[in-house]
């Protein structure tokens, strides 16, 4: 079996740490692992496959001698370093928003558009976490009955902002329960015991950038340029796991029983749907798992060709690290990666 020289950029962040866990758990064929982060984390030791590895500061000189890069260091760092890695012969799987909508960069969810990997030019984009789980639930249905319109409301955990947001939620919850006053630092307002309908910055059209990612990325991944999408994204006081209430309008009438059958056979999907015993997806139970969980599948009583469903997934795992590793596995499986 071939082995590969792997680099993780942003190794000390939540997604970077999850990259390590996923690579270990899936026995990814690594010849070596290099860990990169900002100067603040340089020198830290991390364990990969029982070996202690020192984190290096990411600089241009580090970009040589790598086959596969898993990058989750933010948009600015990705724009700076991902092209350098690619120029040096590596394939970069980039988790930032830097390249997702570039026409020359594949935006890939392996369960949906794995063939798009083939036309990469050194960089493959990992979609936004909320997009990944939604399209995995929608695409199996779309193949059978083309989707015309999607209206989605997301309920996104604080881990999407990073470990500092997890710390802030923990601190604020304790302060409030102790009768103290909270002062927000990470978000615009208090997040503990609250909901914030503001993720990323507002655009001129009234949507946030997070909401617009769902619109544009879903169309690109599903090759459905005419599909109408409207989104409202809400930050909620949950540590891990994004949830979505999705209303879908199809070309032809559809019944919930058929949707459950199709989704129960779909790659990457787990159907949890039995109202009699209050069985439906929940973020606490989805955390740490690989599947996109779908439940509350029901007819849209306001539209004869519509369905409503509830979609939940671990945003750090399937919404980021696992999806990227699956892309790399497909590169290897299809012999689209050739180490120098």
C-alpha atoms as a PDB file:
ATOM      1  CA  UNK A   1       0.000   0.000   0.000  1.00  0.00           C
ATOM      2  CA  UNK A   2       1.245   3.480  -0.851  1.00  0.00           C
ATOM      3  CA  UNK A   3       1.717   5.909   2.009  1.00  0.00           C
ATOM      4  CA  UNK A   4       1.538   9.671   1.909  1.00  0.00           C
ATOM      5  CA  UNK A   5       3.225  12.666   3.457  1.00  0.00           C
ATOM      6  CA  UNK A   6       0.403  14.525   5.201  1.00  0.00           C
ATOM      7  CA  UNK A   7       0.250  18.067   6.554  1.00  0.00           C
ATOM      8  CA  UNK A   8      -2.419  19.545   8.809  1.00  0.00           C
ATOM      9  CA  UNK A   9      -2.631  23.337   8.754  1.00  0.00           C
ATOM     10  CA  UNK A  10      -4.443  24.768  11.754  1.00  0.00           C
ATOM     11  CA  UNK A  11      -3.618  21.617  13.698  1.00  0.00           C
ATOM     12  CA  UNK A  12      -4.338  23.021  17.157  1.00  0.00           C
ATOM     13  CA  UNK A  13      -7.884  24.205  16.384  1.00  0.00           C
ATOM     14  CA  UNK A  14     -11.058  22.165  16.877  1.00  0.00           C
ATOM     15  CA  UNK A  15     -11.121  20.994  13.259  1.00  0.00           C
ATOM     16  CA  UNK A  16      -7.366  20.366  13.223  1.00  0.00           C
ATOM     17  CA  UNK A  17      -7.645  18.127  16.260  1.00  0.00           C
ATOM     18  CA  UNK A  18     -10.566  16.338  14.641  1.00  0.00           C
ATOM     19  CA  UNK A  19      -8.468  15.794  11.505  1.00  0.00           C
ATOM     20  CA  UNK A  20      -5.997  13.861  13.671  1.00  0.00           C
ATOM     21  CA  UNK A  21      -8.728  11.755  15.296  1.00  0.00           C
ATOM     22  CA  UNK A  22     -10.370  10.906  11.971  1.00  0.00           C
ATOM     23  CA  UNK A  23      -7.070  10.042  10.252  1.00  0.00           C
ATOM     24  CA  UNK A  24      -6.153   7.730  13.129  1.00  0.00           C
ATOM     25  CA  UNK A  25      -9.582   6.085  13.346  1.00  0.00           C
ATOM     26  CA  UNK A  26      -9.742   5.427   9.595  1.00  0.00           C
ATOM     27  CA  UNK A  27      -6.134   4.174   9.401  1.00  0.00           C
ATOM     28  CA  UNK A  28      -5.247   6.700   6.741  1.00  0.00           C
ATOM     29  CA  UNK A  29      -2.009   5.603   4.972  1.00  0.00           C
ATOM     30  CA  UNK A  30       0.402   8.210   6.323  1.00  0.00           C
ATOM     31  CA  UNK A  31       4.126   8.012   5.749  1.00  0.00           C
ATOM     32  CA  UNK A  32       4.632  11.148   7.837  1.00  0.00           C
ATOM     33  CA  UNK A  33       2.601  13.919   9.433  1.00  0.00           C
ATOM     34  CA  UNK A  34       3.548  17.596   9.677  1.00  0.00           C
ATOM     35  CA  UNK A  35       1.537  19.883  11.957  1.00  0.00           C
ATOM     36  CA  UNK A  36       1.299  23.610  11.271  1.00  0.00           C
ATOM     37  CA  UNK A  37      -0.364  26.501  13.073  1.00  0.00           C
ATOM     38  CA  UNK A  38       0.184  30.178  13.826  1.00  0.00           C
ATOM     39  CA  UNK A  39       3.212  31.425  15.737  1.00  0.00           C
ATOM     40  CA  UNK A  40       1.118  31.381  18.935  1.00  0.00           C
ATOM     41  CA  UNK A  41       0.917  27.582  18.815  1.00  0.00           C
ATOM     42  CA  UNK A  42       4.381  26.833  17.436  1.00  0.00           C
ATOM     43  CA  UNK A  43       6.331  24.482  19.674  1.00  0.00           C
ATOM     44  CA  UNK A  44       3.275  22.761  21.120  1.00  0.00           C
ATOM     45  CA  UNK A  45       3.474  18.949  21.112  1.00  0.00           C
ATOM     46  CA  UNK A  46       0.612  16.836  19.780  1.00  0.00           C
ATOM     47  CA  UNK A  47       0.267  13.067  19.531  1.00  0.00           C
ATOM     48  CA  UNK A  48      -0.498  11.420  16.191  1.00  0.00           C
ATOM     49  CA  UNK A  49      -0.565   7.613  15.945  1.00  0.00           C
ATOM     50  CA  UNK A  50       1.234   7.319  19.297  1.00  0.00           C
ATOM     51  CA  UNK A  51       4.073   9.610  18.177  1.00  0.00           C
ATOM     52  CA  UNK A  52       4.661  13.057  19.635  1.00  0.00           C
ATOM     53  CA  UNK A  53       4.962  15.738  16.935  1.00  0.00           C
ATOM     54  CA  UNK A  54       5.918  19.368  17.404  1.00  0.00           C
ATOM     55  CA  UNK A  55       3.692  21.995  15.851  1.00  0.00           C
ATOM     56  CA  UNK A  56       5.530  24.307  13.457  1.00  0.00           C
ATOM     57  CA  UNK A  57       4.705  27.869  12.533  1.00  0.00           C
ATOM     58  CA  UNK A  58       3.219  27.950   9.052  1.00  0.00           C
ATOM     59  CA  UNK A  59       5.531  29.784   6.644  1.00  0.00           C
ATOM     60  CA  UNK A  60       6.104  29.435   2.911  1.00  0.00           C
ATOM     61  CA  UNK A  61       9.279  27.391   3.383  1.00  0.00           C
ATOM     62  CA  UNK A  62       7.201  24.639   5.052  1.00  0.00           C
ATOM     63  CA  UNK A  63       5.209  23.906   1.921  1.00  0.00           C
ATOM     64  CA  UNK A  64       7.631  21.495   0.259  1.00  0.00           C
ATOM     65  CA  UNK A  65       7.712  17.708   0.397  1.00  0.00           C
ATOM     66  CA  UNK A  66       3.998  17.204   1.167  1.00  0.00           C
ATOM     67  CA  UNK A  67       1.507  15.021  -0.718  1.00  0.00           C
ATOM     68  CA  UNK A  68      -1.808  15.872   0.981  1.00  0.00           C
ATOM     69  CA  UNK A  69      -2.710  18.975   2.979  1.00  0.00           C
ATOM     70  CA  UNK A  70      -5.727  19.235   5.263  1.00  0.00           C
ATOM     71  CA  UNK A  71      -6.128  22.950   5.889  1.00  0.00           C
ATOM     72  CA  UNK A  72      -8.376  24.586   8.455  1.00  0.00           C
ATOM     73  CA  UNK A  73      -6.501  27.751   9.332  1.00  0.00           C
ATOM     74  CA  UNK A  74      -8.999  30.360   8.191  1.00  0.00           C
ATOM     75  CA  UNK A  75      -9.621  32.210   4.962  1.00  0.00           C
ATOM     76  CA  UNK A  76      -6.656  34.583   5.110  1.00  0.00           C
ATOM     77  CA  UNK A  77      -4.104  31.851   5.809  1.00  0.00           C
ATOM     78  CA  UNK A  78      -5.645  29.611   3.148  1.00  0.00           C
ATOM     79  CA  UNK A  79      -5.372  32.274   0.490  1.00  0.00           C
ATOM     80  CA  UNK A  80      -1.736  32.739   1.415  1.00  0.00           C
ATOM     81  CA  UNK A  81      -0.507  29.162   1.844  1.00  0.00           C
ATOM     82  CA  UNK A  82      -2.838  26.753  -0.005  1.00  0.00           C
ATOM     83  CA  UNK A  83      -1.670  27.900  -3.468  1.00  0.00           C
ATOM     84  CA  UNK A  84       1.960  27.524  -2.347  1.00  0.00           C
ATOM     85  CA  UNK A  85       1.395  23.932  -1.233  1.00  0.00           C
ATOM     86  CA  UNK A  86      -0.349  23.239  -4.536  1.00  0.00           C
ATOM     87  CA  UNK A  87       2.490  24.777  -6.540  1.00  0.00           C
ATOM     88  CA  UNK A  88       4.894  22.469  -4.709  1.00  0.00           C
ATOM     89  CA  UNK A  89       2.894  19.440  -5.876  1.00  0.00           C
ATOM     90  CA  UNK A  90       0.564  18.756  -2.956  1.00  0.00           C
ATOM     91  CA  UNK A  91      -3.199  18.358  -3.164  1.00  0.00           C
ATOM     92  CA  UNK A  92      -4.793  20.759  -0.695  1.00  0.00           C
ATOM     93  CA  UNK A  93      -8.205  20.008   0.804  1.00  0.00           C
ATOM     94  CA  UNK A  94      -9.158  23.414   2.126  1.00  0.00           C
ATOM     95  CA  UNK A  95     -11.801  23.874   4.813  1.00  0.00           C
ATOM     96  CA  UNK A  96     -12.018  27.668   4.571  1.00  0.00           C
ATOM     97  CA  UNK A  97     -14.304  29.819   2.436  1.00  0.00           C
ATOM     98  CA  UNK A  98     -11.340  31.094   0.412  1.00  0.00           C
ATOM     99  CA  UNK A  99     -11.824  28.987  -2.722  1.00  0.00           C
ATOM    100  CA  UNK A 100     -15.293  27.434  -2.486  1.00  0.00           C
ATOM    101  CA  UNK A 101     -16.938  29.495  -5.188  1.00  0.00           C
ATOM    102  CA  UNK A 102     -13.942  29.757  -7.479  1.00  0.00           C
ATOM    103  CA  UNK A 103     -14.999  28.138 -10.783  1.00  0.00           C
ATOM    104  CA  UNK A 104     -11.660  26.292 -11.080  1.00  0.00           C
ATOM    105  CA  UNK A 105     -11.929  24.710  -7.611  1.00  0.00           C
ATOM    106  CA  UNK A 106     -14.103  21.622  -7.019  1.00  0.00           C
ATOM    107  CA  UNK A 107     -16.444  21.950  -4.026  1.00  0.00           C
ATOM    108  CA  UNK A 108     -16.957  18.372  -2.935  1.00  0.00           C
ATOM    109  CA  UNK A 109     -19.146  16.195  -0.756  1.00  0.00           C
ATOM    110  CA  UNK A 110     -18.042  12.648  -1.678  1.00  0.00           C
ATOM    111  CA  UNK A 111     -21.522  11.161  -1.280  1.00  0.00           C
ATOM    112  CA  UNK A 112     -22.791  13.584  -3.932  1.00  0.00           C
ATOM    113  CA  UNK A 113     -20.254  14.835  -6.482  1.00  0.00           C
ATOM    114  CA  UNK A 114     -17.114  12.745  -6.082  1.00  0.00           C
ATOM    115  CA  UNK A 115     -16.388  12.932  -9.825  1.00  0.00           C
ATOM    116  CA  UNK A 116     -15.744  16.660  -9.477  1.00  0.00           C
ATOM    117  CA  UNK A 117     -12.512  15.829  -7.640  1.00  0.00           C
ATOM    118  CA  UNK A 118     -11.023  14.697 -10.942  1.00  0.00           C
ATOM    119  CA  UNK A 119     -10.713  18.211 -12.396  1.00  0.00           C
ATOM    120  CA  UNK A 120      -8.921  19.778  -9.432  1.00  0.00           C
ATOM    121  CA  UNK A 121      -5.856  21.947 -10.053  1.00  0.00           C
ATOM    122  CA  UNK A 122      -4.195  21.331  -6.715  1.00  0.00           C
ATOM    123  CA  UNK A 123      -6.910  22.704  -4.426  1.00  0.00           C
ATOM    124  CA  UNK A 124     -10.200  21.044  -3.480  1.00  0.00           C
ATOM    125  CA  UNK A 125     -12.644  22.991  -1.318  1.00  0.00           C
ATOM    126  CA  UNK A 126     -14.477  21.510   1.654  1.00  0.00           C
ATOM    127  CA  UNK A 127     -17.983  23.048   1.870  1.00  0.00           C
ATOM    128  CA  UNK A 128     -19.432  24.948   4.781  1.00  0.00           C
ATOM    129  CA  UNK A 129     -20.552  22.660   7.609  1.00  0.00           C
ATOM    130  CA  UNK A 130     -24.237  23.581   7.404  1.00  0.00           C
ATOM    131  CA  UNK A 131     -24.201  23.085   3.629  1.00  0.00           C
ATOM    132  CA  UNK A 132     -22.688  19.604   3.861  1.00  0.00           C
ATOM    133  CA  UNK A 133     -25.393  18.159   6.074  1.00  0.00           C
ATOM    134  CA  UNK A 134     -28.220  19.763   4.137  1.00  0.00           C
ATOM    135  CA  UNK A 135     -27.135  18.556   0.705  1.00  0.00           C
ATOM    136  CA  UNK A 136     -26.452  15.024   1.972  1.00  0.00           C
ATOM    137  CA  UNK A 137     -30.095  14.898   3.087  1.00  0.00           C
ATOM    138  CA  UNK A 138     -31.434  16.549  -0.072  1.00  0.00           C
ATOM    139  CA  UNK A 139     -29.453  15.013  -2.912  1.00  0.00           C
ATOM    140  CA  UNK A 140     -30.811  11.417  -2.730  1.00  0.00           C
ATOM    141  CA  UNK A 141     -34.303  12.864  -3.019  1.00  0.00           C
ATOM    142  CA  UNK A 142     -33.265  15.317  -5.733  1.00  0.00           C
ATOM    143  CA  UNK A 143     -31.992  12.467  -7.931  1.00  0.00           C
ATOM    144  CA  UNK A 144     -35.445  10.871  -7.865  1.00  0.00           C
ATOM    145  CA  UNK A 145     -37.590  13.994  -7.873  1.00  0.00           C
ATOM    146  CA  UNK A 146     -35.792  17.241  -8.808  1.00  0.00           C
ATOM    147  CA  UNK A 147     -35.945  19.929  -6.129  1.00  0.00           C
ATOM    148  CA  UNK A 148     -37.262  23.330  -7.138  1.00  0.00           C
ATOM    149  CA  UNK A 149     -37.007  25.282  -3.877  1.00  0.00           C
ATOM    150  CA  UNK A 150     -35.509  24.944  -0.394  1.00  0.00           C
ATOM    151  CA  UNK A 151     -36.229  27.068   2.678  1.00  0.00           C
ATOM    152  CA  UNK A 152     -33.936  26.269   5.586  1.00  0.00           C
ATOM    153  CA  UNK A 153     -33.502  27.566   9.120  1.00  0.00           C
ATOM    154  CA  UNK A 154     -30.309  26.457  10.826  1.00  0.00           C
ATOM    155  CA  UNK A 155     -29.575  26.136  14.544  1.00  0.00           C
ATOM    156  CA  UNK A 156     -25.795  26.174  14.707  1.00  0.00           C
ATOM    157  CA  UNK A 157     -23.632  25.267  17.682  1.00  0.00           C
ATOM    158  CA  UNK A 158     -20.929  27.524  19.070  1.00  0.00           C
ATOM    159  CA  UNK A 159     -18.157  25.097  18.087  1.00  0.00           C
ATOM    160  CA  UNK A 160     -18.532  26.517  14.587  1.00  0.00           C
ATOM    161  CA  UNK A 161     -16.792  29.620  15.922  1.00  0.00           C
ATOM    162  CA  UNK A 162     -14.025  27.654  17.639  1.00  0.00           C
ATOM    163  CA  UNK A 163     -12.888  26.735  21.134  1.00  0.00           C
ATOM    164  CA  UNK A 164     -13.061  30.354  22.321  1.00  0.00           C
ATOM    165  CA  UNK A 165     -16.826  30.298  21.734  1.00  0.00           C
ATOM    166  CA  UNK A 166     -17.191  27.044  23.662  1.00  0.00           C
ATOM    167  CA  UNK A 167     -15.342  28.674  26.540  1.00  0.00           C
ATOM    168  CA  UNK A 168     -17.560  31.761  26.361  1.00  0.00           C
ATOM    169  CA  UNK A 169     -20.771  29.721  26.432  1.00  0.00           C
ATOM    170  CA  UNK A 170     -19.483  27.762  29.438  1.00  0.00           C
ATOM    171  CA  UNK A 171     -18.446  30.912  31.293  1.00  0.00           C
ATOM    172  CA  UNK A 172     -21.660  32.785  30.558  1.00  0.00           C
ATOM    173  CA  UNK A 173     -23.873  29.881  31.616  1.00  0.00           C
ATOM    174  CA  UNK A 174     -22.075  29.668  34.961  1.00  0.00           C
ATOM    175  CA  UNK A 175     -22.263  33.417  35.454  1.00  0.00           C
ATOM    176  CA  UNK A 176     -25.988  33.548  34.761  1.00  0.00           C
ATOM    177  CA  UNK A 177     -26.761  30.588  37.001  1.00  0.00           C
ATOM    178  CA  UNK A 178     -24.760  32.315  39.746  1.00  0.00           C
ATOM    179  CA  UNK A 179     -26.731  35.526  39.267  1.00  0.00           C
ATOM    180  CA  UNK A 180     -23.827  37.442  37.735  1.00  0.00           C
ATOM    181  CA  UNK A 181     -23.783  39.804  34.763  1.00  0.00           C
ATOM    182  CA  UNK A 182     -22.269  38.550  31.511  1.00  0.00           C
ATOM    183  CA  UNK A 183     -20.192  40.554  29.048  1.00  0.00           C
ATOM    184  CA  UNK A 184     -20.019  39.085  25.516  1.00  0.00           C
ATOM    185  CA  UNK A 185     -16.635  38.947  23.824  1.00  0.00           C
ATOM    186  CA  UNK A 186     -16.967  36.454  20.956  1.00  0.00           C
ATOM    187  CA  UNK A 187     -20.512  37.210  19.814  1.00  0.00           C
ATOM    188  CA  UNK A 188     -22.398  40.487  19.535  1.00  0.00           C
ATOM    189  CA  UNK A 189     -24.687  39.495  22.391  1.00  0.00           C
ATOM    190  CA  UNK A 190     -24.925  36.961  25.193  1.00  0.00           C
ATOM    191  CA  UNK A 191     -25.097  33.421  23.785  1.00  0.00           C
ATOM    192  CA  UNK A 192     -25.943  31.489  26.961  1.00  0.00           C
ATOM    193  CA  UNK A 193     -29.707  30.869  27.216  1.00  0.00           C
ATOM    194  CA  UNK A 194     -30.140  32.934  24.053  1.00  0.00           C
ATOM    195  CA  UNK A 195     -30.415  32.701  20.248  1.00  0.00           C
ATOM    196  CA  UNK A 196     -28.560  34.930  17.804  1.00  0.00           C
ATOM    197  CA  UNK A 197     -29.900  35.193  14.217  1.00  0.00           C
ATOM    198  CA  UNK A 198     -26.538  36.542  13.034  1.00  0.00           C
ATOM    199  CA  UNK A 199     -23.749  34.261  11.780  1.00  0.00           C
ATOM    200  CA  UNK A 200     -20.957  35.998   9.869  1.00  0.00           C
ATOM    201  CA  UNK A 201     -21.491  39.545   8.598  1.00  0.00           C
ATOM    202  CA  UNK A 202     -24.621  41.044   7.090  1.00  0.00           C
ATOM    203  CA  UNK A 203     -24.693  41.683   3.345  1.00  0.00           C
ATOM    204  CA  UNK A 204     -26.454  44.472   1.464  1.00  0.00           C
ATOM    205  CA  UNK A 205     -29.384  42.159   0.643  1.00  0.00           C
ATOM    206  CA  UNK A 206     -30.124  41.578   4.348  1.00  0.00           C
ATOM    207  CA  UNK A 207     -28.764  38.039   4.404  1.00  0.00           C
ATOM    208  CA  UNK A 208     -25.613  37.077   6.282  1.00  0.00           C
ATOM    209  CA  UNK A 209     -22.632  35.552   4.515  1.00  0.00           C
ATOM    210  CA  UNK A 210     -23.361  32.251   6.286  1.00  0.00           C
ATOM    211  CA  UNK A 211     -26.849  32.226   4.808  1.00  0.00           C
ATOM    212  CA  UNK A 212     -25.539  33.059   1.353  1.00  0.00           C
ATOM    213  CA  UNK A 213     -23.044  30.186   1.553  1.00  0.00           C
ATOM    214  CA  UNK A 214     -25.991  27.789   1.820  1.00  0.00           C
ATOM    215  CA  UNK A 215     -27.514  29.306  -1.296  1.00  0.00           C
ATOM    216  CA  UNK A 216     -24.447  29.266  -3.532  1.00  0.00           C
ATOM    217  CA  UNK A 217     -22.653  26.170  -2.264  1.00  0.00           C
ATOM    218  CA  UNK A 218     -25.726  23.936  -2.440  1.00  0.00           C
ATOM    219  CA  UNK A 219     -26.255  24.795  -6.100  1.00  0.00           C
ATOM    220  CA  UNK A 220     -22.606  24.191  -6.977  1.00  0.00           C
ATOM    221  CA  UNK A 221     -22.348  20.842  -5.174  1.00  0.00           C
ATOM    222  CA  UNK A 222     -25.640  19.490  -6.501  1.00  0.00           C
ATOM    223  CA  UNK A 223     -25.106  20.908 -10.012  1.00  0.00           C
ATOM    224  CA  UNK A 224     -28.514  22.551  -9.637  1.00  0.00           C
ATOM    225  CA  UNK A 225     -28.106  26.162 -10.721  1.00  0.00           C
ATOM    226  CA  UNK A 226     -31.853  26.703 -10.992  1.00  0.00           C
ATOM    227  CA  UNK A 227     -32.644  25.453  -7.481  1.00  0.00           C
ATOM    228  CA  UNK A 228     -34.014  28.269  -5.319  1.00  0.00           C
ATOM    229  CA  UNK A 229     -32.653  28.444  -1.775  1.00  0.00           C
ATOM    230  CA  UNK A 230     -33.448  30.774   1.111  1.00  0.00           C
ATOM    231  CA  UNK A 231     -31.764  30.461   4.508  1.00  0.00           C
ATOM    232  CA  UNK A 232     -31.906  31.890   8.015  1.00  0.00           C
ATOM    233  CA  UNK A 233     -28.920  30.932  10.183  1.00  0.00           C
ATOM    234  CA  UNK A 234     -29.139  31.101  13.965  1.00  0.00           C
ATOM    235  CA  UNK A 235     -26.410  30.571  16.577  1.00  0.00           C
ATOM    236  CA  UNK A 236     -27.714  28.534  19.513  1.00  0.00           C
ATOM    237  CA  UNK A 237     -26.273  27.665  22.963  1.00  0.00           C
ATOM    238  CA  UNK A 238     -25.226  24.131  21.982  1.00  0.00           C
ATOM    239  CA  UNK A 239     -21.607  23.002  22.120  1.00  0.00           C
ATOM    240  CA  UNK A 240     -21.426  20.599  19.142  1.00  0.00           C
ATOM    241  CA  UNK A 241     -23.914  19.719  16.409  1.00  0.00           C
ATOM    242  CA  UNK A 242     -25.792  21.819  13.873  1.00  0.00           C
ATOM    243  CA  UNK A 243     -29.533  21.330  13.356  1.00  0.00           C
ATOM    244  CA  UNK A 244     -31.660  22.397  10.401  1.00  0.00           C
ATOM    245  CA  UNK A 245     -35.377  22.685   9.727  1.00  0.00           C
ATOM    246  CA  UNK A 246     -35.656  22.177   5.965  1.00  0.00           C
ATOM    247  CA  UNK A 247     -38.741  22.726   3.789  1.00  0.00           C
ATOM    248  CA  UNK A 248     -38.380  21.310   0.278  1.00  0.00           C
ATOM    249  CA  UNK A 249     -40.529  21.825  -2.821  1.00  0.00           C
ATOM    250  CA  UNK A 250     -40.189  19.103  -5.463  1.00  0.00           C
ATOM    251  CA  UNK A 251     -41.095  18.935  -9.137  1.00  0.00           C
ATOM    252  CA  UNK A 252     -43.584  16.112  -8.558  1.00  0.00           C
ATOM    253  CA  UNK A 253     -45.723  15.069  -5.581  1.00  0.00           C
ATOM    254  CA  UNK A 254     -43.874  13.098  -2.915  1.00  0.00           C
ATOM    255  CA  UNK A 255     -44.966  11.197   0.162  1.00  0.00           C
ATOM    256  CA  UNK A 256     -43.011  10.944   3.428  1.00  0.00           C
ATOM    257  CA  UNK A 257     -42.868   7.139   3.260  1.00  0.00           C
ATOM    258  CA  UNK A 258     -40.979   7.253  -0.033  1.00  0.00           C
ATOM    259  CA  UNK A 259     -38.594   9.892   1.309  1.00  0.00           C
ATOM    260  CA  UNK A 260     -37.829   7.749   4.381  1.00  0.00           C
ATOM    261  CA  UNK A 261     -37.159   4.730   2.177  1.00  0.00           C
ATOM    262  CA  UNK A 262     -34.840   6.661  -0.151  1.00  0.00           C
ATOM    263  CA  UNK A 263     -32.935   8.312   2.684  1.00  0.00           C
ATOM    264  CA  UNK A 264     -32.580   5.090   4.672  1.00  0.00           C
ATOM    265  CA  UNK A 265     -30.649   3.651   1.710  1.00  0.00           C
ATOM    266  CA  UNK A 266     -28.565   6.774   1.027  1.00  0.00           C
ATOM    267  CA  UNK A 267     -24.842   6.985   1.733  1.00  0.00           C
ATOM    268  CA  UNK A 268     -23.964   9.034   4.797  1.00  0.00           C
ATOM    269  CA  UNK A 269     -27.543   9.267   6.082  1.00  0.00           C
ATOM    270  CA  UNK A 270     -29.180   7.812   9.184  1.00  0.00           C
ATOM    271  CA  UNK A 271     -32.964   8.067   9.469  1.00  0.00           C
ATOM    272  CA  UNK A 272     -34.290   8.560  13.003  1.00  0.00           C
ATOM    273  CA  UNK A 273     -38.004   9.118  12.605  1.00  0.00           C
ATOM    274  CA  UNK A 274     -40.652   7.685  14.907  1.00  0.00           C
ATOM    275  CA  UNK A 275     -42.897  10.308  16.544  1.00  0.00           C
ATOM    276  CA  UNK A 276     -44.633   7.644  18.631  1.00  0.00           C
ATOM    277  CA  UNK A 277     -41.517   7.214  20.776  1.00  0.00           C
ATOM    278  CA  UNK A 278     -40.200  10.777  20.259  1.00  0.00           C
ATOM    279  CA  UNK A 279     -37.398   9.493  18.043  1.00  0.00           C
ATOM    280  CA  UNK A 280     -35.741  12.248  16.031  1.00  0.00           C
ATOM    281  CA  UNK A 281     -32.194  13.592  15.585  1.00  0.00           C
ATOM    282  CA  UNK A 282     -30.659  15.651  18.380  1.00  0.00           C
ATOM    283  CA  UNK A 283     -27.301  17.431  18.425  1.00  0.00           C
ATOM    284  CA  UNK A 284     -26.083  15.824  21.648  1.00  0.00           C
ATOM    285  CA  UNK A 285     -26.487  12.330  20.198  1.00  0.00           C
ATOM    286  CA  UNK A 286     -25.121  13.267  16.774  1.00  0.00           C
ATOM    287  CA  UNK A 287     -21.902  14.629  18.305  1.00  0.00           C
ATOM    288  CA  UNK A 288     -18.959  12.346  17.590  1.00  0.00           C
ATOM    289  CA  UNK A 289     -20.778  10.372  14.879  1.00  0.00           C
ATOM    290  CA  UNK A 290     -20.220  10.201  11.123  1.00  0.00           C
ATOM    291  CA  UNK A 291     -23.762  10.245   9.755  1.00  0.00           C
ATOM    292  CA  UNK A 292     -26.138  13.019   8.846  1.00  0.00           C
ATOM    293  CA  UNK A 293     -29.269  12.244  10.848  1.00  0.00           C
ATOM    294  CA  UNK A 294     -32.697  12.958   9.376  1.00  0.00           C
ATOM    295  CA  UNK A 295     -36.105  12.832  11.051  1.00  0.00           C
ATOM    296  CA  UNK A 296     -39.477  14.589  11.424  1.00  0.00           C
ATOM    297  CA  UNK A 297     -40.069  13.792   7.729  1.00  0.00           C
ATOM    298  CA  UNK A 298     -43.589  14.945   6.969  1.00  0.00           C
ATOM    299  CA  UNK A 299     -45.779  16.392   4.260  1.00  0.00           C
ATOM    300  CA  UNK A 300     -45.759  20.142   3.832  1.00  0.00           C
ATOM    301  CA  UNK A 301     -49.440  20.900   4.397  1.00  0.00           C
ATOM    302  CA  UNK A 302     -49.040  24.290   2.679  1.00  0.00           C
ATOM    303  CA  UNK A 303     -47.803  22.827  -0.609  1.00  0.00           C
ATOM    304  CA  UNK A 304     -48.838  19.608  -2.350  1.00  0.00           C
ATOM    305  CA  UNK A 305     -45.359  18.803  -3.666  1.00  0.00           C
ATOM    306  CA  UNK A 306     -43.484  19.633  -0.485  1.00  0.00           C
ATOM    307  CA  UNK A 307     -41.809  17.895   2.449  1.00  0.00           C
ATOM    308  CA  UNK A 308     -40.468  19.158   5.770  1.00  0.00           C
ATOM    309  CA  UNK A 309     -37.591  17.476   7.612  1.00  0.00           C
ATOM    310  CA  UNK A 310     -35.194  17.931  10.522  1.00  0.00           C
ATOM    311  CA  UNK A 311     -31.485  17.404   9.779  1.00  0.00           C
ATOM    312  CA  UNK A 312     -28.686  17.144  12.385  1.00  0.00           C
ATOM    313  CA  UNK A 313     -24.956  16.419  12.174  1.00  0.00           C
ATOM    314  CA  UNK A 314     -21.677  16.928  14.013  1.00  0.00           C
ATOM    315  CA  UNK A 315     -20.411  20.142  12.426  1.00  0.00           C
ATOM    316  CA  UNK A 316     -16.777  19.546  13.403  1.00  0.00           C
ATOM    317  CA  UNK A 317     -16.708  15.937  12.218  1.00  0.00           C
ATOM    318  CA  UNK A 318     -18.862  15.369   9.123  1.00  0.00           C
ATOM    319  CA  UNK A 319     -19.232  19.100   8.662  1.00  0.00           C
ATOM    320  CA  UNK A 320     -15.469  19.555   8.343  1.00  0.00           C
ATOM    321  CA  UNK A 321     -12.760  16.995   9.162  1.00  0.00           C
ATOM    322  CA  UNK A 322     -14.421  13.742   8.106  1.00  0.00           C
ATOM    323  CA  UNK A 323     -15.645  15.149   4.795  1.00  0.00           C
ATOM    324  CA  UNK A 324     -12.108  16.323   3.974  1.00  0.00           C
ATOM    325  CA  UNK A 325     -10.567  12.964   4.838  1.00  0.00           C
ATOM    326  CA  UNK A 326     -13.189  11.206   2.724  1.00  0.00           C
ATOM    327  CA  UNK A 327     -12.164  13.409  -0.210  1.00  0.00           C
ATOM    328  CA  UNK A 328      -8.541  12.326   0.272  1.00  0.00           C
ATOM    329  CA  UNK A 329      -9.605   8.676   0.481  1.00  0.00           C
ATOM    330  CA  UNK A 330     -11.425   9.013  -2.830  1.00  0.00           C
ATOM    331  CA  UNK A 331      -8.330  10.588  -4.404  1.00  0.00           C
ATOM    332  CA  UNK A 332      -6.344   7.525  -3.368  1.00  0.00           C
ATOM    333  CA  UNK A 333      -9.047   4.988  -4.207  1.00  0.00           C
ATOM    334  CA  UNK A 334      -9.453   6.333  -7.741  1.00  0.00           C
ATOM    335  CA  UNK A 335      -5.705   6.734  -8.279  1.00  0.00           C
ATOM    336  CA  UNK A 336      -6.035  10.488  -8.689  1.00  0.00           C
ATOM    337  CA  UNK A 337      -3.176  11.199  -6.288  1.00  0.00           C
ATOM    338  CA  UNK A 338       0.408  10.476  -7.220  1.00  0.00           C
ATOM    339  CA  UNK A 339       3.078  11.197  -4.578  1.00  0.00           C
ATOM    340  CA  UNK A 340       6.362  12.519  -5.890  1.00  0.00           C
END
